[in-house]
Amino acid sequence: MMIRVLRFNTYLLLALAIGLGGGCKSSKPKDPNKYTKKDEASLRLYLEVNPDGSESNGPITVGRQSPFELNVQKIPFLTEFQIEKAAVVEVLGGFSISVQYDKQGSMLLEQYTTGSKGKHMAISAEFGQLRWIAAPVITQRLGDGLLVFTPDTSREEAVRIVSGLNRVAELVRKGRK
């Protein structure tokens, strides 16, 4: 019995060429300034640490108007996957972002804020672009799972972030994330 290796390899090569060349293509690239209710966003919290020369932490720059540098852990202690809901809230002189974490997120937020008073909590968001949007100083224990902060964003960007976070929270509740 003879095996036709050459014929098999030809068929495999043909299938590979069709698979790589026959992919679908968008009609035009997505405009990063436009968003829909189906767009997702990320919000990640990092703890300020002293630089120790290891790969586990590094410097970041927070802010656009008056930027400042912090050294933070490279792995976030909270992510968008622990968020129950987010909202843009009106505060005196502007707006803030309010984030309510689920049970696991609330416990982590309490743990990190209890043991890190006086340090910064760096907050990054991805909403078409990745940016460090805040770094509030931890002044008290946050035991109720509610984080309210003033972001270094426009109101439109804040609305976009909140909309994307609520979309992710909805997908997590449905078990799709």
N, C-alpha and C. Protein backbone atom coordinates (compact mmCIF):
# COMPACT_ATOMS: atom_id res chain seq x y z
N MET A 1 0.84 -1.16 0.00
CA MET A 1 0.00 0.00 0.00
C MET A 1 0.89 1.24 0.00
N MET A 2 0.67 2.13 -0.95
CA MET A 2 1.47 3.34 -1.06
C MET A 2 0.67 4.54 -0.58
N ILE A 3 1.33 5.39 0.16
CA ILE A 3 0.69 6.61 0.64
C ILE A 3 1.16 7.76 -0.23
N ARG A 4 0.26 8.51 -0.68
CA ARG A 4 0.60 9.64 -1.55
C ARG A 4 0.87 10.88 -0.70
N VAL A 5 2.09 10.96 -0.16
CA VAL A 5 2.48 12.07 0.70
C VAL A 5 2.46 13.37 -0.06
N LEU A 6 2.95 13.35 -1.28
CA LEU A 6 3.02 14.57 -2.07
C LEU A 6 1.62 15.14 -2.31
N ARG A 7 0.67 14.25 -2.66
CA ARG A 7 -0.69 14.70 -2.91
C ARG A 7 -1.32 15.26 -1.63
N PHE A 8 -1.08 14.60 -0.50
CA PHE A 8 -1.61 15.08 0.79
C PHE A 8 -1.05 16.46 1.11
N ASN A 9 0.27 16.67 0.94
CA ASN A 9 0.88 17.97 1.22
C ASN A 9 0.35 19.04 0.29
N THR A 10 0.06 18.72 -0.95
CA THR A 10 -0.51 19.68 -1.89
C THR A 10 -1.90 20.12 -1.43
N TYR A 11 -2.71 19.15 -1.02
CA TYR A 11 -4.04 19.49 -0.52
C TYR A 11 -3.96 20.34 0.75
N LEU A 12 -3.03 20.01 1.63
CA LEU A 12 -2.85 20.77 2.86
C LEU A 12 -2.41 22.19 2.55
N LEU A 13 -1.50 22.35 1.62
CA LEU A 13 -1.02 23.66 1.23
C LEU A 13 -2.15 24.48 0.60
N LEU A 14 -2.96 23.85 -0.24
CA LEU A 14 -4.09 24.52 -0.85
C LEU A 14 -5.11 24.98 0.20
N ALA A 15 -5.41 24.12 1.16
CA ALA A 15 -6.34 24.48 2.22
C ALA A 15 -5.80 25.64 3.07
N LEU A 16 -4.52 25.61 3.35
CA LEU A 16 -3.89 26.69 4.11
C LEU A 16 -3.95 28.00 3.35
N ALA A 17 -3.68 27.98 2.04
CA ALA A 17 -3.73 29.18 1.22
C ALA A 17 -5.14 29.76 1.18
N ILE A 18 -6.13 28.90 1.06
CA ILE A 18 -7.52 29.37 1.04
C ILE A 18 -7.89 29.97 2.40
N GLY A 19 -7.47 29.32 3.46
CA GLY A 19 -7.77 29.80 4.81
C GLY A 19 -7.13 31.15 5.10
N LEU A 20 -5.89 31.35 4.66
CA LEU A 20 -5.21 32.62 4.92
C LEU A 20 -5.68 33.72 3.98
N GLY A 21 -5.93 33.39 2.75
CA GLY A 21 -6.29 34.40 1.77
C GLY A 21 -7.77 34.70 1.72
N GLY A 22 -8.59 33.84 2.21
CA GLY A 22 -10.03 34.01 2.08
C GLY A 22 -10.69 34.59 3.30
N GLY A 23 -9.95 35.26 4.18
CA GLY A 23 -10.54 35.84 5.39
C GLY A 23 -11.45 37.00 5.06
N CYS A 24 -12.28 37.36 6.00
CA CYS A 24 -13.18 38.48 5.77
C CYS A 24 -12.45 39.79 6.05
N LYS A 25 -12.96 40.85 5.46
CA LYS A 25 -12.31 42.13 5.57
C LYS A 25 -13.37 43.19 5.83
N SER A 26 -13.10 44.09 6.75
CA SER A 26 -14.04 45.17 7.03
C SER A 26 -14.07 46.13 5.85
N SER A 27 -15.19 46.78 5.68
CA SER A 27 -15.29 47.72 4.58
C SER A 27 -14.42 48.94 4.83
N LYS A 28 -14.37 49.43 6.07
CA LYS A 28 -13.47 50.52 6.41
C LYS A 28 -13.07 50.40 7.87
N PRO A 29 -11.90 50.91 8.22
CA PRO A 29 -11.44 50.77 9.61
C PRO A 29 -12.33 51.54 10.57
N LYS A 30 -12.40 51.04 11.79
CA LYS A 30 -13.24 51.67 12.81
C LYS A 30 -12.61 52.97 13.28
N ASP A 31 -13.40 54.01 13.35
CA ASP A 31 -12.94 55.32 13.82
C ASP A 31 -12.78 55.24 15.34
N PRO A 32 -11.57 55.49 15.89
CA PRO A 32 -11.37 55.37 17.34
C PRO A 32 -12.15 56.42 18.14
N ASN A 33 -12.64 57.47 17.47
CA ASN A 33 -13.39 58.50 18.19
C ASN A 33 -14.89 58.20 18.24
N LYS A 34 -15.33 57.20 17.50
CA LYS A 34 -16.75 56.80 17.52
C LYS A 34 -16.89 55.54 18.36
N TYR A 35 -17.97 55.43 19.07
CA TYR A 35 -18.20 54.22 19.84
C TYR A 35 -19.68 53.88 19.84
N THR A 36 -19.96 52.63 20.12
CA THR A 36 -21.35 52.17 20.19
C THR A 36 -21.58 51.54 21.55
N LYS A 37 -22.81 51.18 21.81
CA LYS A 37 -23.14 50.54 23.09
C LYS A 37 -22.52 49.15 23.21
N LYS A 38 -22.05 48.59 22.10
CA LYS A 38 -21.44 47.26 22.14
C LYS A 38 -19.93 47.32 22.37
N ASP A 39 -19.36 48.52 22.38
CA ASP A 39 -17.93 48.65 22.64
C ASP A 39 -17.64 48.35 24.11
N GLU A 40 -16.46 47.79 24.35
CA GLU A 40 -16.06 47.44 25.71
C GLU A 40 -14.92 48.35 26.14
N ALA A 41 -14.72 48.43 27.44
CA ALA A 41 -13.62 49.23 28.00
C ALA A 41 -13.00 48.45 29.15
N SER A 42 -11.79 48.82 29.48
CA SER A 42 -11.14 48.20 30.63
C SER A 42 -10.82 49.28 31.65
N LEU A 43 -10.76 48.89 32.91
CA LEU A 43 -10.37 49.77 34.00
C LEU A 43 -9.59 48.91 34.98
N ARG A 44 -8.33 49.25 35.17
CA ARG A 44 -7.46 48.42 36.00
C ARG A 44 -6.78 49.28 37.05
N LEU A 45 -6.69 48.72 38.26
CA LEU A 45 -6.10 49.42 39.40
C LEU A 45 -4.77 48.79 39.76
N TYR A 46 -3.77 49.64 39.93
CA TYR A 46 -2.41 49.21 40.24
C TYR A 46 -1.96 49.93 41.51
N LEU A 47 -1.16 49.26 42.31
CA LEU A 47 -0.68 49.82 43.55
C LEU A 47 0.70 50.43 43.38
N GLU A 48 0.90 51.60 43.95
CA GLU A 48 2.21 52.24 43.94
C GLU A 48 3.16 51.44 44.84
N VAL A 49 4.37 51.20 44.36
CA VAL A 49 5.38 50.48 45.13
C VAL A 49 6.72 51.19 44.96
N ASN A 50 7.65 50.91 45.86
CA ASN A 50 9.00 51.44 45.73
C ASN A 50 9.73 50.66 44.64
N PRO A 51 10.51 51.36 43.81
CA PRO A 51 11.26 50.64 42.78
C PRO A 51 12.30 49.74 43.43
N ASP A 52 12.34 48.49 42.99
CA ASP A 52 13.30 47.55 43.58
C ASP A 52 14.19 46.90 42.53
N GLY A 53 14.11 47.38 41.29
CA GLY A 53 14.97 46.84 40.23
C GLY A 53 14.47 45.55 39.62
N SER A 54 13.36 45.03 40.11
CA SER A 54 12.83 43.78 39.56
C SER A 54 11.91 44.07 38.37
N GLU A 55 11.52 43.03 37.68
CA GLU A 55 10.62 43.15 36.54
C GLU A 55 9.15 43.26 36.96
N SER A 56 8.87 43.14 38.25
CA SER A 56 7.48 43.13 38.71
C SER A 56 6.88 44.52 38.87
N ASN A 57 7.69 45.57 38.72
CA ASN A 57 7.17 46.93 38.83
C ASN A 57 7.92 47.83 37.87
N GLY A 58 7.32 49.00 37.62
CA GLY A 58 7.95 49.94 36.70
C GLY A 58 7.30 51.30 36.76
N PRO A 59 7.94 52.29 36.14
CA PRO A 59 7.42 53.66 36.18
C PRO A 59 6.30 53.88 35.16
N ILE A 60 5.38 54.76 35.52
CA ILE A 60 4.31 55.19 34.63
C ILE A 60 4.19 56.70 34.74
N THR A 61 3.54 57.33 33.78
CA THR A 61 3.27 58.76 33.84
C THR A 61 1.76 58.95 33.83
N VAL A 62 1.27 59.68 34.83
CA VAL A 62 -0.16 59.90 34.98
C VAL A 62 -0.45 61.38 34.73
N GLY A 63 -1.50 61.64 33.97
CA GLY A 63 -1.94 63.01 33.75
C GLY A 63 -1.44 63.58 32.45
N ARG A 64 -2.23 64.53 31.92
CA ARG A 64 -1.85 65.20 30.68
C ARG A 64 -1.50 66.66 30.93
N GLN A 65 -2.29 67.35 31.77
CA GLN A 65 -2.03 68.76 32.05
C GLN A 65 -0.78 68.95 32.89
N SER A 66 -0.70 68.26 34.01
CA SER A 66 0.51 68.29 34.85
C SER A 66 0.90 66.86 35.16
N PRO A 67 1.62 66.23 34.24
CA PRO A 67 1.98 64.82 34.43
C PRO A 67 2.96 64.61 35.58
N PHE A 68 2.82 63.46 36.22
CA PHE A 68 3.77 63.07 37.25
C PHE A 68 4.04 61.59 37.12
N GLU A 69 5.18 61.16 37.64
CA GLU A 69 5.61 59.78 37.49
C GLU A 69 5.42 59.01 38.79
N LEU A 70 4.99 57.78 38.64
CA LEU A 70 4.83 56.85 39.77
C LEU A 70 5.49 55.53 39.40
N ASN A 71 5.85 54.77 40.40
CA ASN A 71 6.32 53.41 40.18
C ASN A 71 5.23 52.47 40.70
N VAL A 72 4.73 51.58 39.84
CA VAL A 72 3.61 50.71 40.21
C VAL A 72 3.92 49.26 39.91
N GLN A 73 3.17 48.37 40.57
CA GLN A 73 3.24 46.95 40.24
C GLN A 73 2.72 46.79 38.82
N LYS A 74 3.29 45.84 38.08
CA LYS A 74 2.87 45.65 36.69
C LYS A 74 1.59 44.84 36.57
N ILE A 75 1.21 44.15 37.62
CA ILE A 75 -0.02 43.35 37.59
C ILE A 75 -1.09 44.09 38.39
N PRO A 76 -2.26 44.34 37.78
CA PRO A 76 -3.31 45.06 38.51
C PRO A 76 -3.90 44.21 39.63
N PHE A 77 -4.36 44.88 40.69
CA PHE A 77 -5.02 44.13 41.75
C PHE A 77 -6.53 44.09 41.54
N LEU A 78 -7.06 44.93 40.67
CA LEU A 78 -8.48 44.88 40.30
C LEU A 78 -8.60 45.16 38.80
N THR A 79 -9.56 44.48 38.16
CA THR A 79 -9.79 44.69 36.73
C THR A 79 -11.28 44.94 36.48
N GLU A 80 -11.59 45.17 35.23
CA GLU A 80 -12.98 45.42 34.84
C GLU A 80 -13.87 44.19 35.04
N PHE A 81 -13.29 43.02 35.23
CA PHE A 81 -14.09 41.81 35.37
C PHE A 81 -14.72 41.68 36.75
N GLN A 82 -14.34 42.52 37.69
CA GLN A 82 -14.96 42.51 39.02
C GLN A 82 -15.95 43.67 39.21
N ILE A 83 -16.25 44.39 38.15
CA ILE A 83 -17.14 45.55 38.25
C ILE A 83 -18.59 45.12 38.08
N GLU A 84 -19.45 45.59 38.99
CA GLU A 84 -20.90 45.37 38.86
C GLU A 84 -21.54 46.45 38.01
N LYS A 85 -21.17 47.71 38.27
CA LYS A 85 -21.72 48.82 37.49
C LYS A 85 -20.82 50.03 37.65
N ALA A 86 -20.92 50.91 36.67
CA ALA A 86 -20.15 52.15 36.68
C ALA A 86 -21.07 53.29 36.25
N ALA A 87 -20.72 54.50 36.66
CA ALA A 87 -21.54 55.66 36.31
C ALA A 87 -20.67 56.91 36.32
N VAL A 88 -21.07 57.88 35.50
CA VAL A 88 -20.49 59.21 35.57
C VAL A 88 -21.39 59.99 36.53
N VAL A 89 -20.80 60.56 37.57
CA VAL A 89 -21.58 61.28 38.58
C VAL A 89 -21.16 62.75 38.61
N GLU A 90 -22.12 63.60 38.88
CA GLU A 90 -21.85 65.02 38.98
C GLU A 90 -21.28 65.33 40.36
N VAL A 91 -20.21 66.11 40.39
CA VAL A 91 -19.61 66.57 41.64
C VAL A 91 -19.41 68.08 41.51
N LEU A 92 -19.16 68.73 42.61
CA LEU A 92 -18.95 70.16 42.61
C LEU A 92 -17.81 70.52 41.65
N GLY A 93 -18.12 71.29 40.64
CA GLY A 93 -17.11 71.74 39.70
C GLY A 93 -16.81 70.77 38.57
N GLY A 94 -17.56 69.70 38.41
CA GLY A 94 -17.27 68.79 37.32
C GLY A 94 -17.96 67.45 37.44
N PHE A 95 -17.20 66.39 37.20
CA PHE A 95 -17.75 65.05 37.20
C PHE A 95 -16.70 64.08 37.71
N SER A 96 -17.17 62.91 38.13
CA SER A 96 -16.30 61.82 38.56
C SER A 96 -16.84 60.52 37.98
N ILE A 97 -16.04 59.47 38.09
CA ILE A 97 -16.48 58.14 37.71
C ILE A 97 -16.68 57.35 38.99
N SER A 98 -17.83 56.73 39.10
CA SER A 98 -18.17 55.90 40.25
C SER A 98 -18.20 54.44 39.79
N VAL A 99 -17.48 53.59 40.51
CA VAL A 99 -17.40 52.17 40.15
C VAL A 99 -17.79 51.34 41.36
N GLN A 100 -18.79 50.48 41.19
CA GLN A 100 -19.20 49.56 42.24
C GLN A 100 -18.68 48.17 41.88
N TYR A 101 -17.88 47.59 42.78
CA TYR A 101 -17.30 46.27 42.53
C TYR A 101 -18.17 45.17 43.10
N ASP A 102 -18.03 43.97 42.54
CA ASP A 102 -18.75 42.80 43.04
C ASP A 102 -18.12 42.36 44.36
N LYS A 103 -18.58 41.24 44.90
CA LYS A 103 -18.12 40.77 46.21
C LYS A 103 -16.61 40.55 46.24
N GLN A 104 -16.08 39.85 45.23
CA GLN A 104 -14.64 39.59 45.17
C GLN A 104 -13.87 40.90 45.03
N GLY A 105 -14.32 41.78 44.13
CA GLY A 105 -13.66 43.06 43.93
C GLY A 105 -13.71 43.93 45.17
N SER A 106 -14.83 43.90 45.89
CA SER A 106 -14.97 44.67 47.12
C SER A 106 -13.97 44.20 48.17
N MET A 107 -13.80 42.89 48.28
CA MET A 107 -12.84 42.37 49.26
C MET A 107 -11.42 42.77 48.88
N LEU A 108 -11.08 42.70 47.60
CA LEU A 108 -9.74 43.10 47.16
C LEU A 108 -9.51 44.59 47.37
N LEU A 109 -10.51 45.41 47.05
CA LEU A 109 -10.40 46.85 47.24
C LEU A 109 -10.19 47.18 48.71
N GLU A 110 -10.93 46.51 49.58
CA GLU A 110 -10.78 46.74 51.01
C GLU A 110 -9.39 46.30 51.49
N GLN A 111 -8.95 45.15 51.04
CA GLN A 111 -7.64 44.64 51.45
C GLN A 111 -6.51 45.58 51.03
N TYR A 112 -6.52 46.03 49.79
CA TYR A 112 -5.45 46.88 49.30
C TYR A 112 -5.50 48.29 49.88
N THR A 113 -6.69 48.82 50.09
CA THR A 113 -6.77 50.18 50.65
C THR A 113 -6.49 50.19 52.15
N THR A 114 -6.74 49.10 52.84
CA THR A 114 -6.45 49.03 54.27
C THR A 114 -4.95 49.02 54.52
N GLY A 115 -4.23 48.26 53.72
CA GLY A 115 -2.80 48.11 53.95
C GLY A 115 -1.92 49.09 53.21
N SER A 116 -2.50 50.04 52.48
CA SER A 116 -1.68 50.91 51.63
C SER A 116 -2.00 52.39 51.80
N LYS A 117 -2.42 52.81 52.96
CA LYS A 117 -2.74 54.22 53.19
C LYS A 117 -1.51 55.08 52.91
N GLY A 118 -1.74 56.19 52.21
CA GLY A 118 -0.67 57.10 51.86
C GLY A 118 -0.04 56.83 50.51
N LYS A 119 -0.33 55.68 49.93
CA LYS A 119 0.20 55.35 48.59
C LYS A 119 -0.83 55.74 47.53
N HIS A 120 -0.36 55.81 46.30
CA HIS A 120 -1.26 56.07 45.18
C HIS A 120 -1.84 54.77 44.65
N MET A 121 -3.02 54.88 44.10
CA MET A 121 -3.67 53.79 43.38
C MET A 121 -3.77 54.27 41.94
N ALA A 122 -2.93 53.76 41.06
CA ALA A 122 -2.93 54.20 39.67
C ALA A 122 -4.05 53.49 38.91
N ILE A 123 -4.77 54.25 38.10
CA ILE A 123 -5.92 53.71 37.38
C ILE A 123 -5.69 53.90 35.89
N SER A 124 -5.71 52.77 35.16
CA SER A 124 -5.60 52.84 33.70
C SER A 124 -6.93 52.45 33.08
N ALA A 125 -7.18 53.03 31.92
CA ALA A 125 -8.40 52.70 31.18
C ALA A 125 -8.05 52.52 29.72
N GLU A 126 -8.73 51.58 29.10
CA GLU A 126 -8.61 51.39 27.66
C GLU A 126 -9.99 51.54 27.07
N PHE A 127 -10.12 52.51 26.17
CA PHE A 127 -11.41 52.83 25.56
C PHE A 127 -11.15 53.33 24.14
N GLY A 128 -10.48 52.48 23.37
CA GLY A 128 -10.02 52.89 22.05
C GLY A 128 -8.56 53.32 22.12
N GLN A 129 -8.12 53.70 23.28
CA GLN A 129 -6.73 54.03 23.57
C GLN A 129 -6.45 53.64 25.01
N LEU A 130 -5.20 53.32 25.31
CA LEU A 130 -4.82 52.96 26.68
C LEU A 130 -4.21 54.18 27.32
N ARG A 131 -4.72 54.55 28.50
CA ARG A 131 -4.23 55.76 29.16
C ARG A 131 -4.33 55.64 30.67
N TRP A 132 -3.38 56.24 31.37
CA TRP A 132 -3.44 56.35 32.83
C TRP A 132 -4.32 57.55 33.12
N ILE A 133 -5.48 57.32 33.74
CA ILE A 133 -6.46 58.40 33.88
C ILE A 133 -6.57 58.98 35.28
N ALA A 134 -5.95 58.34 36.28
CA ALA A 134 -6.01 58.87 37.64
C ALA A 134 -5.00 58.14 38.52
N ALA A 135 -4.66 58.79 39.62
CA ALA A 135 -3.79 58.16 40.62
C ALA A 135 -4.08 58.78 41.98
N PRO A 136 -5.30 58.52 42.50
CA PRO A 136 -5.63 59.10 43.81
C PRO A 136 -4.79 58.49 44.93
N VAL A 137 -4.56 59.30 45.95
CA VAL A 137 -3.87 58.82 47.14
C VAL A 137 -4.88 58.06 47.99
N ILE A 138 -4.48 56.92 48.51
CA ILE A 138 -5.35 56.12 49.37
C ILE A 138 -5.34 56.77 50.75
N THR A 139 -6.48 57.31 51.18
CA THR A 139 -6.56 57.99 52.47
C THR A 139 -7.35 57.20 53.50
N GLN A 140 -8.16 56.26 53.03
CA GLN A 140 -8.97 55.48 53.97
C GLN A 140 -9.30 54.11 53.38
N ARG A 141 -9.75 53.24 54.23
CA ARG A 141 -10.17 51.90 53.82
C ARG A 141 -11.48 52.03 53.04
N LEU A 142 -11.55 51.38 51.89
CA LEU A 142 -12.77 51.37 51.10
C LEU A 142 -13.40 49.99 51.25
N GLY A 143 -14.28 49.86 52.25
CA GLY A 143 -14.85 48.57 52.59
C GLY A 143 -16.17 48.26 51.93
N ASP A 144 -16.77 49.24 51.24
CA ASP A 144 -18.08 49.01 50.64
C ASP A 144 -18.02 48.67 49.15
N GLY A 145 -16.80 48.59 48.59
CA GLY A 145 -16.66 48.23 47.18
C GLY A 145 -16.96 49.35 46.22
N LEU A 146 -17.08 50.58 46.73
CA LEU A 146 -17.39 51.73 45.89
C LEU A 146 -16.15 52.61 45.75
N LEU A 147 -15.73 52.82 44.52
CA LEU A 147 -14.59 53.69 44.22
C LEU A 147 -15.11 54.85 43.38
N VAL A 148 -14.87 56.07 43.86
CA VAL A 148 -15.24 57.27 43.13
C VAL A 148 -13.97 58.08 42.94
N PHE A 149 -13.67 58.44 41.70
CA PHE A 149 -12.46 59.20 41.42
C PHE A 149 -12.70 60.17 40.28
N THR A 150 -11.90 61.21 40.23
CA THR A 150 -11.97 62.20 39.17
C THR A 150 -10.94 61.83 38.11
N PRO A 151 -11.39 61.47 36.92
CA PRO A 151 -10.45 61.04 35.88
C PRO A 151 -9.86 62.22 35.11
N ASP A 152 -8.70 62.01 34.55
CA ASP A 152 -8.08 62.99 33.66
C ASP A 152 -8.57 62.69 32.24
N THR A 153 -9.87 62.94 32.04
CA THR A 153 -10.52 62.70 30.75
C THR A 153 -11.52 63.81 30.49
N SER A 154 -11.98 63.89 29.26
CA SER A 154 -13.12 64.75 28.97
C SER A 154 -14.38 64.04 29.45
N ARG A 155 -15.47 64.76 29.52
CA ARG A 155 -16.73 64.14 29.91
C ARG A 155 -17.13 63.07 28.89
N GLU A 156 -16.92 63.32 27.62
CA GLU A 156 -17.26 62.35 26.58
C GLU A 156 -16.45 61.06 26.73
N GLU A 157 -15.16 61.21 27.05
CA GLU A 157 -14.33 60.03 27.27
C GLU A 157 -14.80 59.26 28.50
N ALA A 158 -15.17 59.98 29.55
CA ALA A 158 -15.67 59.33 30.77
C ALA A 158 -16.96 58.56 30.49
N VAL A 159 -17.85 59.14 29.70
CA VAL A 159 -19.10 58.46 29.33
C VAL A 159 -18.77 57.21 28.52
N ARG A 160 -17.81 57.32 27.63
CA ARG A 160 -17.40 56.17 26.81
C ARG A 160 -16.81 55.06 27.67
N ILE A 161 -15.98 55.42 28.64
CA ILE A 161 -15.40 54.42 29.55
C ILE A 161 -16.48 53.72 30.34
N VAL A 162 -17.38 54.50 30.93
CA VAL A 162 -18.46 53.94 31.75
C VAL A 162 -19.36 53.04 30.93
N SER A 163 -19.70 53.46 29.73
CA SER A 163 -20.53 52.63 28.85
C SER A 163 -19.85 51.30 28.55
N GLY A 164 -18.55 51.35 28.25
CA GLY A 164 -17.79 50.13 27.97
C GLY A 164 -17.65 49.23 29.18
N LEU A 165 -17.48 49.82 30.36
CA LEU A 165 -17.38 49.03 31.59
C LEU A 165 -18.70 48.33 31.90
N ASN A 166 -19.81 49.04 31.72
CA ASN A 166 -21.12 48.42 31.95
C ASN A 166 -21.39 47.31 30.94
N ARG A 167 -20.88 47.46 29.73
CA ARG A 167 -21.01 46.39 28.72
C ARG A 167 -20.24 45.14 29.16
N VAL A 168 -19.01 45.34 29.66
CA VAL A 168 -18.22 44.21 30.15
C VAL A 168 -18.91 43.56 31.34
N ALA A 169 -19.43 44.38 32.27
CA ALA A 169 -20.13 43.84 33.44
C ALA A 169 -21.33 42.99 33.02
N GLU A 170 -22.04 43.45 32.01
CA GLU A 170 -23.20 42.69 31.49
C GLU A 170 -22.75 41.35 30.91
N LEU A 171 -21.65 41.37 30.16
CA LEU A 171 -21.13 40.13 29.58
C LEU A 171 -20.64 39.16 30.65
N VAL A 172 -20.03 39.68 31.70
CA VAL A 172 -19.57 38.84 32.81
C VAL A 172 -20.77 38.19 33.51
N ARG A 173 -21.82 38.99 33.73
CA ARG A 173 -23.03 38.43 34.37
C ARG A 173 -23.65 37.32 33.53
N LYS A 174 -23.57 37.46 32.22
CA LYS A 174 -24.14 36.46 31.31
C LYS A 174 -23.18 35.28 31.09
N GLY A 175 -21.98 35.35 31.68
CA GLY A 175 -21.03 34.27 31.56
C GLY A 175 -20.26 34.24 30.26
N ARG A 176 -20.22 35.36 29.56
CA ARG A 176 -19.54 35.40 28.26
C ARG A 176 -18.13 35.95 28.35
N LYS A 177 -17.71 36.36 29.50
CA LYS A 177 -16.35 36.90 29.68
C LYS A 177 -15.65 36.15 30.77
